[in-house]
Amino acid sequence: MPRRSLARLYRDEFTGYTPAKFRNDLSAGLNVALVALPLALAFGAASGASAAAGLVTSIVGGIVIGLLSGAPYQMTGAKAVISVVLIVLVKQYGLEGMWVALFMAGLLTFGIGLFRLGRFIAFIPAPVISGFTAGISAIIIIRQFDPLLGIHTPTTVTAAQKLIAYFTTPNLTPDPHSLALGVLVIGIMFLYPTKWNERIPAALIAVIAATASNSALGWSVPVIDSIPRTLFLQPNFSIPAIPWGNLSDFIAPALTLTALGAVETLLCGATGAELTGKRLQVNQHLIAQGIGNMILPFFGAIPTTSGILRTKVAIHSGGQTRLAGILHALILMLIMFSLASYLEMIPLSALAGVLMVTAIRSVDLSTVKFSFGNSFKTDMSAFLIAFIATVVLSLTNAILFGTFLMGAVFLNKSASIDISIQEVDVERLKQKGIETAGKCKHVRVAFLTGPLFFAATGQFSESFADLGDTHALILSMRGVPLIDTAGIEAIHKLHTRLRKNGGTLMFAGIHDSAKQMMERGGLVKIIGEENFFWSSDQAIVEAERRGCSFCPQ
């Protein structure tokens, strides 16, 4: 499907727009805002920035990305997967360093969309994505034990180190009040009826219940404490603050933020497309997301990306256009300015409970059950390795390791080329009306299926290691979509060996792109244009007509 311009997307959405559709957008925007409110506060607080930063992210990002989005249903905001990266970033480089990485990530995301490279995100294998998602969920749960229990353990780079710290840090005494409020939130979110959740989200009810309980009982537990009545938080990002001398330190974190944000966008777009039948214009949305993340640091906010939960709520609430996302942001802004004094009373342990339940529910259990239930060893291994790497390594290193793992899984699945070598089936040819005289009994046909590139050449060479008395070998390549230079070299060696033994190498059903590569490599000239045929039947008849002694000069 060709890329559609933003103007055309607007025309598709707003042609015939009516007051009834606006009411649907307003209803969807309100429902998404109610879902987003506790999540934005929780993700902001968990990131190392502030709860207010999470709110501003959802407000500013929702407006900017909503205006430029690649689909009417795509909802954005602060995300748990991103907050995990920010914890380490803020600890290591401070807020200024986090904003530098965010700005760079926004620029990279913008470039991916501008140069229409978004489709390559889809090449990431599902088990690897599931492994990372499960690993990040585990990280979120582990790192929320501090606010849930009302304790402070040393800041660590990895989740595994954090988990160990709970058993090695002396004099850790949980605060029973914080724990009680967190457990209350978790209990409400798990026991809350699903049908009620469509109208009033469980997370919102749980946070209100915990806040009211804390106020009524007069407990002294850590709370959000401060929600500024402005979108321009202090401090915020400024160009003069960019550390030009050590800018290279932020490349890996920026790549991590870019990769995670892009994957979340693709997954959310796939969910939205499945529910609405409208395809996400991925590159346009990445442009929008890139611009949004370049702007957010100047507001003192944190990264934003697409959110599956918010998107589902918008669709199920009857959202018609991108206006639903913009309205959700405006409603959040109204809440921030008018109810800030109440938001400041929310216990941090309540937000920890929200994050824990959200993390558990974000794990893609269907993919895990399918892979393990059917004993797909490659997928199982990819999932486990990605999961363990995410928990044990720093997230940046886990992403780099995962990139290698993705390549390994992709090559493992794509490098296999199926080669079936068969003798001529005279009876089959007769049924097709093709008579053979039987002058050449040493004709073999090899049916190839799969790409013939560097990772498959070993299997290719092994398949033809023992040709026996074959004098005319026909490679039926209708199932070969591509050939690279290593494949051309392997074919050339096979041709040389056959020629040395007085044999002939012939081709049938080769794709134009594959033949063009062979022409560029000089193989067509060496082998001879007369040895290329439309079908293997034509090649068999010609091989028999020439006789087994034929060998191109």
Protein backbone atom coordinates (compact mmCIF):
# COMPACT_ATOMS: atom_id res chain seq x y z
CA MET A 1 0.00 0.00 0.00
CA PRO A 2 1.58 3.33 -0.98
CA ARG A 3 2.35 5.86 1.70
CA ARG A 4 -0.45 8.36 2.10
CA SER A 5 0.17 12.04 2.81
CA LEU A 6 -0.93 13.62 6.07
CA ALA A 7 -3.39 15.78 4.15
CA ARG A 8 -5.05 12.70 2.69
CA LEU A 9 -5.23 11.07 6.12
CA TYR A 10 -7.05 14.17 7.38
CA ARG A 11 -9.45 14.06 4.44
CA ASP A 12 -10.21 10.39 5.06
CA GLU A 13 -10.92 11.03 8.73
CA PHE A 14 -12.85 14.27 8.67
CA THR A 15 -14.86 14.07 5.44
CA GLY A 16 -18.49 13.94 6.58
CA TYR A 17 -17.55 14.70 10.19
CA THR A 18 -20.71 15.26 12.25
CA PRO A 19 -21.63 16.37 15.79
CA ALA A 20 -22.43 12.72 16.56
CA LYS A 21 -18.88 11.72 15.61
CA PHE A 22 -17.52 14.54 17.76
CA ARG A 23 -19.49 13.19 20.73
CA ASN A 24 -17.92 9.78 20.10
CA ASP A 25 -14.45 11.34 19.99
CA LEU A 26 -15.15 13.29 23.19
CA SER A 27 -16.38 10.16 24.97
CA ALA A 28 -13.33 8.21 23.80
CA GLY A 29 -11.01 11.06 24.82
CA LEU A 30 -12.54 11.16 28.30
CA ASN A 31 -12.24 7.38 28.76
CA VAL A 32 -8.63 7.37 27.56
CA ALA A 33 -7.81 10.27 29.90
CA LEU A 34 -9.22 8.37 32.89
CA VAL A 35 -7.10 5.35 31.96
CA ALA A 36 -4.01 7.45 31.23
CA LEU A 37 -4.11 9.57 34.42
CA PRO A 38 -2.86 6.99 36.96
CA LEU A 39 -0.52 5.44 34.40
CA ALA A 40 1.05 8.77 33.48
CA LEU A 41 1.61 9.62 37.16
CA ALA A 42 3.03 6.15 37.87
CA PHE A 43 5.37 6.04 34.88
CA GLY A 44 6.59 9.58 35.56
CA ALA A 45 7.31 8.81 39.21
CA ALA A 46 9.01 5.52 38.32
CA SER A 47 11.25 7.10 35.68
CA GLY A 48 13.37 9.07 38.10
CA ALA A 49 11.88 12.36 36.91
CA SER A 50 8.52 13.19 38.57
CA ALA A 51 4.86 12.28 38.41
CA ALA A 52 4.20 15.68 36.83
CA ALA A 53 6.66 14.81 34.04
CA GLY A 54 4.53 11.81 33.17
CA LEU A 55 1.42 14.01 32.96
CA VAL A 56 3.11 16.63 30.79
CA THR A 57 4.40 13.86 28.52
CA SER A 58 0.88 12.57 27.93
CA ILE A 59 -0.48 16.10 27.41
CA VAL A 60 2.14 17.58 25.09
CA GLY A 61 2.89 14.29 23.33
CA GLY A 62 -0.82 13.58 22.92
CA ILE A 63 -1.43 16.91 21.20
CA VAL A 64 1.67 17.02 18.98
CA ILE A 65 1.63 13.37 17.92
CA GLY A 66 -2.16 13.40 17.63
CA LEU A 67 -1.95 16.19 15.08
CA LEU A 68 0.68 14.37 12.99
CA SER A 69 -0.25 10.73 13.64
CA GLY A 70 -0.34 8.02 11.00
CA ALA A 71 -3.70 6.63 12.15
CA PRO A 72 -6.84 7.98 13.84
CA TYR A 73 -6.71 5.45 16.68
CA GLN A 74 -3.07 5.60 17.83
CA MET A 75 -2.91 6.88 21.43
CA THR A 76 0.39 7.92 23.00
CA GLY A 77 1.80 8.63 26.43
CA ALA A 78 4.45 7.71 28.97
CA LYS A 79 5.18 3.96 28.95
CA ALA A 80 6.52 1.47 31.46
CA VAL A 81 8.97 0.02 28.94
CA ILE A 82 10.58 3.46 28.58
CA SER A 83 10.60 4.26 32.30
CA VAL A 84 12.92 1.30 32.89
CA VAL A 85 15.59 2.89 30.68
CA LEU A 86 15.12 6.30 32.27
CA ILE A 87 15.84 5.07 35.82
CA VAL A 88 19.42 4.21 34.90
CA LEU A 89 19.82 7.24 32.62
CA VAL A 90 18.73 9.71 35.30
CA LYS A 91 20.93 8.05 37.91
CA GLN A 92 24.00 8.05 35.67
CA TYR A 93 23.65 11.35 33.79
CA GLY A 94 20.97 13.30 35.65
CA LEU A 95 17.85 14.79 34.09
CA GLU A 96 19.94 16.76 31.60
CA GLY A 97 21.54 13.58 30.30
CA MET A 98 18.15 11.90 30.01
CA TRP A 99 16.86 14.81 27.92
CA VAL A 100 19.91 14.67 25.63
CA ALA A 101 19.28 10.96 24.99
CA LEU A 102 15.57 11.67 24.46
CA PHE A 103 16.25 14.44 21.95
CA MET A 104 18.68 12.19 20.05
CA ALA A 105 16.15 9.34 20.09
CA GLY A 106 13.49 11.68 18.72
CA LEU A 107 15.83 12.73 15.93
CA LEU A 108 16.61 9.10 15.08
CA THR A 109 12.92 8.14 15.11
CA PHE A 110 12.13 11.10 12.87
CA GLY A 111 14.87 9.97 10.45
CA ILE A 112 13.55 6.39 10.36
CA GLY A 113 10.12 7.67 9.39
CA LEU A 114 11.41 10.29 6.96
CA PHE A 115 13.50 7.75 5.03
CA ARG A 116 10.66 5.21 5.17
CA LEU A 117 12.57 2.57 7.10
CA GLY A 118 9.73 1.70 9.47
CA ARG A 119 8.99 -1.59 7.74
CA PHE A 120 12.29 -3.03 8.94
CA ILE A 121 10.96 -2.97 12.52
CA ALA A 122 8.66 -5.83 11.50
CA PHE A 123 11.70 -8.06 10.98
CA ILE A 124 12.14 -8.46 14.75
CA PRO A 125 11.05 -12.03 15.61
CA ALA A 126 7.99 -12.31 17.87
CA PRO A 127 9.73 -14.55 20.49
CA VAL A 128 12.47 -11.94 20.93
CA ILE A 129 9.90 -9.17 21.41
CA SER A 130 7.99 -11.35 23.89
CA GLY A 131 11.19 -12.12 25.76
CA PHE A 132 12.08 -8.45 26.06
CA THR A 133 8.53 -7.56 27.10
CA ALA A 134 8.51 -10.22 29.80
CA GLY A 135 11.98 -9.16 30.95
CA ILE A 136 10.99 -5.50 31.15
CA SER A 137 7.86 -6.47 33.07
CA ALA A 138 10.07 -8.33 35.54
CA ILE A 139 12.32 -5.27 35.85
CA ILE A 140 9.34 -3.01 36.58
CA ILE A 141 8.02 -5.36 39.26
CA ILE A 142 11.43 -5.71 40.92
CA ARG A 143 12.10 -1.97 40.90
CA GLN A 144 8.69 -1.14 42.39
CA PHE A 145 9.37 -3.06 45.59
CA ASP A 146 11.04 0.03 47.07
CA PRO A 147 7.97 2.31 46.90
CA LEU A 148 5.61 -0.60 47.58
CA LEU A 149 7.40 -1.50 50.81
CA GLY A 150 8.33 2.07 51.71
CA ILE A 151 12.07 1.28 51.76
CA HIS A 152 15.24 2.46 50.00
CA THR A 153 17.81 0.09 48.54
CA PRO A 154 20.95 1.07 46.61
CA THR A 155 20.39 2.08 42.98
CA THR A 156 21.70 -0.61 40.62
CA VAL A 157 22.27 -0.92 36.88
CA THR A 158 20.46 -4.23 36.45
CA ALA A 159 17.28 -5.69 37.88
CA ALA A 160 19.16 -8.80 39.02
CA GLN A 161 21.47 -6.63 41.15
CA LYS A 162 18.42 -4.85 42.55
CA LEU A 163 16.82 -8.15 43.50
CA ILE A 164 19.99 -9.29 45.25
CA ALA A 165 20.10 -5.98 47.14
CA TYR A 166 16.83 -6.82 48.89
CA PHE A 167 18.53 -9.79 50.52
CA THR A 168 21.91 -8.18 51.20
CA THR A 169 21.06 -4.64 52.36
CA PRO A 170 21.05 -4.56 56.16
CA ASN A 171 18.26 -3.15 58.33
CA LEU A 172 15.51 -3.13 55.71
CA THR A 173 12.20 -2.64 57.51
CA PRO A 174 9.08 -2.46 55.34
CA ASP A 175 6.54 0.24 56.16
CA PRO A 176 3.27 -1.62 56.85
CA HIS A 177 1.17 1.38 55.83
CA SER A 178 2.80 1.71 52.41
CA LEU A 179 2.53 -2.03 51.90
CA ALA A 180 -1.15 -2.04 52.88
CA LEU A 181 -2.01 0.72 50.39
CA GLY A 182 -0.07 -0.99 47.61
CA VAL A 183 -1.76 -4.33 48.28
CA LEU A 184 -5.13 -2.56 48.30
CA VAL A 185 -4.46 -1.19 44.81
CA ILE A 186 -3.26 -4.56 43.50
CA GLY A 187 -6.27 -6.33 44.97
CA ILE A 188 -8.76 -3.87 43.48
CA MET A 189 -7.16 -4.04 40.03
CA PHE A 190 -7.24 -7.84 39.97
CA LEU A 191 -10.74 -8.22 41.44
CA TYR A 192 -12.39 -5.33 39.60
CA PRO A 193 -15.10 -6.60 37.19
CA THR A 194 -14.02 -6.41 33.56
CA LYS A 195 -17.35 -5.02 32.38
CA TRP A 196 -17.00 -2.08 34.81
CA ASN A 197 -13.48 -1.42 33.57
CA GLU A 198 -14.85 -0.28 30.21
CA ARG A 199 -16.59 2.67 31.89
CA ILE A 200 -14.33 3.53 34.83
CA PRO A 201 -10.82 2.02 34.80
CA ALA A 202 -9.76 -0.14 37.71
CA ALA A 203 -6.45 1.70 38.15
CA LEU A 204 -8.26 5.01 38.72
CA ILE A 205 -10.66 3.50 41.28
CA ALA A 206 -7.77 1.75 43.03
CA VAL A 207 -5.69 4.94 43.30
CA ILE A 208 -8.67 6.94 44.57
CA ALA A 209 -9.41 4.25 47.18
CA ALA A 210 -5.79 4.16 48.36
CA THR A 211 -5.56 7.97 48.54
CA ALA A 212 -8.84 8.28 50.43
CA SER A 213 -7.82 5.50 52.84
CA ASN A 214 -4.49 7.15 53.54
CA SER A 215 -6.14 10.51 54.21
CA ALA A 216 -8.87 9.03 56.40
CA LEU A 217 -6.42 6.98 58.50
CA GLY A 218 -3.86 9.77 58.75
CA TRP A 219 -0.94 7.58 57.76
CA SER A 220 2.38 9.22 57.01
CA VAL A 221 3.52 7.55 53.78
CA PRO A 222 5.47 9.03 50.85
CA VAL A 223 3.16 10.78 48.37
CA ILE A 224 3.55 12.53 45.00
CA ASP A 225 3.87 15.80 46.93
CA SER A 226 4.14 18.34 44.07
CA ILE A 227 2.22 18.88 40.81
CA PRO A 228 3.15 22.26 39.25
CA ARG A 229 0.32 24.16 37.56
CA THR A 230 2.26 24.58 34.35
CA LEU A 231 3.29 22.56 31.31
CA PHE A 232 6.81 24.00 31.40
CA LEU A 233 8.38 22.08 34.25
CA GLN A 234 11.53 23.18 35.98
CA PRO A 235 14.21 22.24 35.27
CA ASN A 236 13.95 21.51 31.56
CA PHE A 237 16.18 20.97 28.54
CA SER A 238 18.14 23.76 26.87
CA ILE A 239 20.50 23.68 23.91
CA PRO A 240 23.42 25.31 25.80
CA ALA A 241 23.26 22.44 28.32
CA ILE A 242 24.13 19.82 25.68
CA PRO A 243 27.41 18.10 26.72
CA TRP A 244 29.09 18.28 23.32
CA GLY A 245 32.33 16.84 24.71
CA ASN A 246 30.86 13.48 25.72
CA LEU A 247 27.91 13.27 23.33
CA SER A 248 29.01 9.80 22.25
CA ASP A 249 28.05 8.49 25.71
CA PHE A 250 24.40 9.00 24.81
CA ILE A 251 24.39 7.09 21.52
CA ALA A 252 23.62 3.69 23.08
CA PRO A 253 20.81 5.02 25.37
CA ALA A 254 19.33 6.94 22.41
CA LEU A 255 19.37 3.81 20.26
CA THR A 256 17.70 1.91 23.10
CA LEU A 257 14.92 4.49 23.44
CA THR A 258 14.48 4.56 19.66
CA ALA A 259 14.25 0.78 19.34
CA LEU A 260 11.82 0.35 22.23
CA GLY A 261 9.61 3.22 21.07
CA ALA A 262 9.52 1.97 17.48
CA VAL A 263 8.64 -1.59 18.52
CA GLU A 264 5.85 -0.35 20.80
CA THR A 265 4.51 1.75 17.92
CA LEU A 266 4.48 -1.21 15.55
CA LEU A 267 2.77 -3.51 18.07
CA CYS A 268 0.17 -0.86 18.90
CA GLY A 269 -0.42 -0.19 15.20
CA ALA A 270 -0.96 -3.89 14.53
CA THR A 271 -3.51 -4.05 17.37
CA GLY A 272 -5.33 -0.97 16.12
CA ALA A 273 -5.38 -2.20 12.53
CA GLU A 274 -6.80 -5.54 13.63
CA LEU A 275 -9.60 -3.85 15.58
CA THR A 276 -10.51 -1.18 13.01
CA GLY A 277 -9.37 -2.52 9.65
CA LYS A 278 -7.41 0.71 9.11
CA ARG A 279 -3.71 0.30 8.56
CA LEU A 280 -1.25 2.44 10.50
CA GLN A 281 0.97 4.55 8.24
CA VAL A 282 4.06 3.53 10.19
CA ASN A 283 6.53 5.98 8.70
CA GLN A 284 4.20 8.95 9.13
CA HIS A 285 3.62 7.97 12.76
CA LEU A 286 7.35 7.59 13.41
CA ILE A 287 7.84 11.10 12.02
CA ALA A 288 5.17 12.33 14.44
CA GLN A 289 6.67 10.40 17.35
CA GLY A 290 10.14 11.69 16.52
CA ILE A 291 8.95 15.31 16.50
CA GLY A 292 7.07 14.78 19.76
CA ASN A 293 10.11 13.33 21.51
CA MET A 294 12.34 16.15 20.24
CA ILE A 295 9.93 18.70 21.71
CA LEU A 296 9.23 17.03 25.08
CA PRO A 297 12.66 17.71 26.68
CA PHE A 298 12.00 21.45 26.42
CA PHE A 299 8.95 20.92 28.66
CA GLY A 300 10.96 18.91 31.19
CA ALA A 301 9.05 15.77 30.21
CA ILE A 302 9.99 12.15 29.50
CA PRO A 303 9.73 10.01 26.32
CA THR A 304 6.41 9.08 24.79
CA THR A 305 5.35 6.24 22.56
CA SER A 306 2.18 4.48 21.47
CA GLY A 307 0.19 2.63 24.12
CA ILE A 308 -1.83 -0.49 23.34
CA LEU A 309 -4.12 -0.15 26.38
CA ARG A 310 -4.97 3.48 25.61
CA THR A 311 -5.51 2.64 21.94
CA LYS A 312 -7.87 -0.23 22.75
CA VAL A 313 -9.88 2.00 25.09
CA ALA A 314 -10.19 4.68 22.39
CA ILE A 315 -11.39 2.19 19.80
CA HIS A 316 -13.83 0.41 22.12
CA SER A 317 -15.17 3.80 23.25
CA GLY A 318 -16.14 4.64 19.68
CA GLY A 319 -13.31 7.06 18.82
CA GLN A 320 -13.64 8.17 15.20
CA THR A 321 -10.64 10.39 14.48
CA ARG A 322 -7.32 11.62 15.86
CA LEU A 323 -9.35 14.23 17.70
CA ALA A 324 -9.98 11.60 20.40
CA GLY A 325 -6.26 11.55 21.22
CA ILE A 326 -6.02 15.33 21.25
CA LEU A 327 -9.09 15.63 23.48
CA HIS A 328 -7.65 13.05 25.90
CA ALA A 329 -4.58 15.28 26.25
CA LEU A 330 -6.67 18.41 26.81
CA ILE A 331 -8.77 16.64 29.46
CA LEU A 332 -5.57 15.57 31.24
CA MET A 333 -4.38 19.17 31.16
CA LEU A 334 -7.67 20.32 32.69
CA ILE A 335 -7.33 17.71 35.44
CA MET A 336 -3.72 18.71 36.09
CA PHE A 337 -4.57 22.39 36.51
CA SER A 338 -7.80 21.99 38.48
CA LEU A 339 -7.15 18.91 40.64
CA ALA A 340 -3.41 19.22 41.32
CA SER A 341 -3.91 19.50 45.08
CA TYR A 342 -5.67 16.12 45.11
CA LEU A 343 -3.13 14.46 42.81
CA GLU A 344 -0.36 15.50 45.19
CA MET A 345 -1.94 13.33 47.90
CA ILE A 346 -1.59 10.06 45.95
CA PRO A 347 0.70 7.59 47.81
CA LEU A 348 3.73 6.37 45.85
CA SER A 349 3.00 2.82 46.98
CA ALA A 350 -0.38 3.06 45.23
CA LEU A 351 1.36 4.01 41.98
CA ALA A 352 3.78 1.11 42.51
CA GLY A 353 0.80 -1.23 42.72
CA VAL A 354 -0.58 0.16 39.45
CA LEU A 355 2.76 -0.38 37.73
CA MET A 356 3.11 -3.94 39.00
CA VAL A 357 -0.30 -5.02 37.75
CA THR A 358 0.23 -3.20 34.44
CA ALA A 359 3.59 -4.95 34.02
CA ILE A 360 2.07 -8.38 34.66
CA ARG A 361 -0.72 -7.77 32.16
CA SER A 362 1.66 -6.51 29.47
CA VAL A 363 3.32 -9.92 29.01
CA ASP A 364 2.26 -11.54 25.73
CA LEU A 365 1.19 -14.91 27.13
CA SER A 366 -0.33 -16.12 23.85
CA THR A 367 3.04 -16.14 22.06
CA VAL A 368 4.73 -17.78 25.03
CA LYS A 369 2.07 -20.50 25.33
CA PHE A 370 2.17 -21.17 21.59
CA SER A 371 5.96 -21.53 21.45
CA PHE A 372 6.31 -23.62 24.62
CA GLY A 373 3.09 -25.57 24.09
CA ASN A 374 4.25 -26.75 20.68
CA SER A 375 7.90 -27.17 21.70
CA PHE A 376 9.33 -24.79 19.08
CA LYS A 377 12.89 -24.99 20.34
CA THR A 378 14.26 -22.01 18.41
CA ASP A 379 11.44 -19.73 19.59
CA MET A 380 11.70 -21.04 23.15
CA SER A 381 15.44 -20.41 23.22
CA ALA A 382 15.05 -16.91 21.74
CA PHE A 383 12.40 -16.01 24.34
CA LEU A 384 14.42 -17.29 27.29
CA ILE A 385 17.69 -15.71 26.15
CA ALA A 386 16.01 -12.33 25.55
CA PHE A 387 14.25 -12.53 28.93
CA ILE A 388 17.38 -13.46 30.89
CA ALA A 389 19.52 -10.88 29.08
CA THR A 390 17.00 -8.13 29.86
CA VAL A 391 16.94 -8.96 33.59
CA VAL A 392 20.64 -9.74 34.08
CA LEU A 393 22.24 -7.12 31.80
CA SER A 394 21.70 -3.40 31.64
CA LEU A 395 18.84 -2.66 29.27
CA THR A 396 21.16 -0.96 26.77
CA ASN A 397 23.41 -4.02 26.66
CA ALA A 398 20.34 -6.24 26.49
CA ILE A 399 19.13 -4.34 23.42
CA LEU A 400 22.54 -4.74 21.76
CA PHE A 401 22.58 -8.41 22.67
CA GLY A 402 19.01 -8.72 21.43
CA THR A 403 19.98 -7.19 18.10
CA PHE A 404 22.54 -9.96 17.68
CA LEU A 405 19.95 -12.51 18.79
CA MET A 406 17.40 -11.17 16.29
CA GLY A 407 19.93 -11.53 13.51
CA ALA A 408 20.77 -15.06 14.61
CA VAL A 409 17.10 -16.09 14.73
CA PHE A 410 16.41 -14.48 11.36
CA LEU A 411 19.39 -16.17 9.74
CA ASN A 412 18.53 -19.51 11.31
CA LYS A 413 15.04 -19.36 9.85
CA SER A 414 15.93 -17.89 6.48
CA ALA A 415 19.23 -19.64 5.77
CA SER A 416 17.64 -23.02 5.23
CA ILE A 417 17.33 -23.80 1.54
CA ASP A 418 15.45 -26.93 0.52
CA ILE A 419 17.12 -28.89 -2.30
CA SER A 420 15.51 -31.98 -3.78
CA ILE A 421 17.50 -33.79 -6.50
CA GLN A 422 15.42 -36.10 -8.68
CA GLU A 423 15.87 -38.22 -11.78
CA VAL A 424 13.68 -37.56 -14.81
CA ASP A 425 10.17 -38.94 -14.34
CA VAL A 426 9.38 -40.21 -17.85
CA GLU A 427 5.81 -41.22 -16.97
CA ARG A 428 5.03 -37.76 -15.62
CA LEU A 429 6.33 -36.18 -18.80
CA LYS A 430 4.19 -38.52 -20.93
CA GLN A 431 1.10 -37.46 -18.98
CA LYS A 432 1.93 -33.89 -19.92
CA GLY A 433 2.28 -34.88 -23.58
CA ILE A 434 6.08 -34.74 -23.62
CA GLU A 435 7.78 -37.72 -25.32
CA THR A 436 11.41 -38.56 -24.51
CA ALA A 437 13.70 -40.75 -26.57
CA GLY A 438 15.76 -41.84 -23.59
CA LYS A 439 19.08 -40.88 -25.19
CA CYS A 440 20.33 -39.25 -22.01
CA LYS A 441 19.72 -41.24 -18.84
CA HIS A 442 22.01 -39.11 -16.71
CA VAL A 443 19.82 -36.01 -16.42
CA ARG A 444 19.01 -34.83 -12.90
CA VAL A 445 16.66 -32.05 -11.81
CA ALA A 446 17.32 -30.20 -8.54
CA PHE A 447 14.35 -28.27 -7.14
CA LEU A 448 15.53 -25.35 -4.96
CA THR A 449 13.32 -23.49 -2.47
CA GLY A 450 14.63 -20.61 -0.40
CA PRO A 451 17.13 -17.73 -0.76
CA LEU A 452 20.57 -18.68 -2.01
CA PHE A 453 22.75 -16.33 0.01
CA PHE A 454 25.90 -16.58 2.12
CA ALA A 455 24.26 -18.47 4.99
CA ALA A 456 22.84 -21.14 2.66
CA THR A 457 25.83 -21.79 0.40
CA GLY A 458 27.25 -24.47 2.70
CA GLN A 459 24.06 -26.50 2.45
CA PHE A 460 23.99 -25.86 -1.32
CA SER A 461 27.52 -27.19 -1.81
CA GLU A 462 26.91 -30.22 0.40
CA SER A 463 23.79 -31.17 -1.58
CA PHE A 464 25.80 -31.41 -4.80
CA ALA A 465 28.94 -32.92 -3.29
CA ASP A 466 28.25 -36.32 -4.90
CA LEU A 467 26.71 -35.96 -8.37
CA GLY A 468 27.53 -39.55 -9.37
CA ASP A 469 26.99 -40.10 -13.09
CA THR A 470 25.05 -36.86 -13.60
CA HIS A 471 26.00 -35.18 -16.87
CA ALA A 472 23.13 -32.73 -17.22
CA LEU A 473 22.06 -31.00 -13.98
CA ILE A 474 19.01 -28.75 -14.16
CA LEU A 475 18.52 -26.27 -11.31
CA SER A 476 14.81 -25.47 -11.04
CA MET A 477 14.95 -22.10 -9.25
CA ARG A 478 11.36 -20.90 -9.31
CA GLY A 479 11.40 -21.07 -5.50
CA VAL A 480 14.60 -19.00 -5.12
CA PRO A 481 13.63 -15.33 -4.49
CA LEU A 482 17.17 -13.96 -4.32
CA ILE A 483 20.84 -14.73 -4.84
CA ASP A 484 23.80 -12.83 -3.41
CA THR A 485 27.46 -12.85 -4.43
CA ALA A 486 28.22 -15.90 -2.26
CA GLY A 487 25.39 -17.77 -4.02
CA ILE A 488 26.79 -16.79 -7.42
CA GLU A 489 30.22 -18.07 -6.39
CA ALA A 490 28.71 -21.39 -5.23
CA ILE A 491 26.91 -21.84 -8.58
CA HIS A 492 30.10 -20.97 -10.45
CA LYS A 493 32.03 -23.67 -8.55
CA LEU A 494 29.28 -26.20 -9.32
CA HIS A 495 29.39 -25.27 -13.01
CA THR A 496 33.20 -25.59 -13.11
CA ARG A 497 33.06 -29.04 -11.51
CA LEU A 498 30.37 -30.28 -13.91
CA ARG A 499 32.17 -28.87 -16.93
CA LYS A 500 35.42 -30.54 -15.85
CA ASN A 501 33.58 -33.88 -15.88
CA GLY A 502 32.04 -33.22 -19.29
CA GLY A 503 28.65 -32.24 -17.91
CA THR A 504 26.21 -29.35 -18.35
CA LEU A 505 24.58 -27.01 -15.86
CA MET A 506 21.14 -25.72 -16.90
CA PHE A 507 18.55 -23.45 -15.23
CA ALA A 508 14.76 -23.39 -15.19
CA GLY A 509 12.24 -20.87 -13.88
CA ILE A 510 14.81 -18.41 -12.56
CA HIS A 511 13.46 -15.06 -11.29
CA ASP A 512 14.43 -11.90 -13.16
CA SER A 513 16.16 -10.40 -10.10
CA ALA A 514 18.19 -13.58 -9.57
CA LYS A 515 19.18 -13.72 -13.24
CA GLN A 516 20.20 -10.07 -13.17
CA MET A 517 22.56 -10.85 -10.29
CA MET A 518 23.98 -13.75 -12.30
CA GLU A 519 24.48 -11.44 -15.28
CA ARG A 520 26.29 -8.91 -13.13
CA GLY A 521 28.49 -11.73 -11.81
CA GLY A 522 29.29 -12.89 -15.34
CA LEU A 523 27.64 -16.31 -14.86
CA VAL A 524 25.13 -15.97 -17.70
CA LYS A 525 27.95 -15.29 -20.14
CA ILE A 526 30.04 -18.18 -18.79
CA ILE A 527 27.22 -20.73 -18.69
CA GLY A 528 25.52 -19.52 -21.85
CA GLU A 529 22.09 -17.96 -22.42
CA GLU A 530 21.05 -21.15 -24.23
CA ASN A 531 21.10 -23.00 -20.90
CA PHE A 532 18.30 -20.93 -19.32
CA PHE A 533 14.71 -22.16 -19.73
CA TRP A 534 11.23 -21.23 -18.60
CA SER A 535 10.49 -24.67 -17.15
CA SER A 536 12.37 -27.79 -16.13
CA ASP A 537 10.39 -29.77 -18.76
CA GLN A 538 11.83 -27.59 -21.52
CA ALA A 539 15.32 -28.04 -20.08
CA ILE A 540 14.91 -31.84 -19.94
CA VAL A 541 13.81 -32.04 -23.56
CA GLU A 542 16.71 -29.83 -24.65
CA ALA A 543 19.26 -31.82 -22.61
CA GLU A 544 18.05 -35.04 -24.26
CA ARG A 545 18.07 -33.46 -27.73
CA ARG A 546 21.67 -32.36 -27.34
CA GLY A 547 22.82 -35.69 -25.93
CA CYS A 548 24.94 -36.36 -22.88
CA SER A 549 28.21 -35.53 -24.63
CA PHE A 550 27.18 -31.87 -25.01
CA CYS A 551 29.32 -29.43 -23.08
CA PRO A 552 29.30 -25.69 -23.77
CA GLN A 553 32.55 -24.37 -25.14
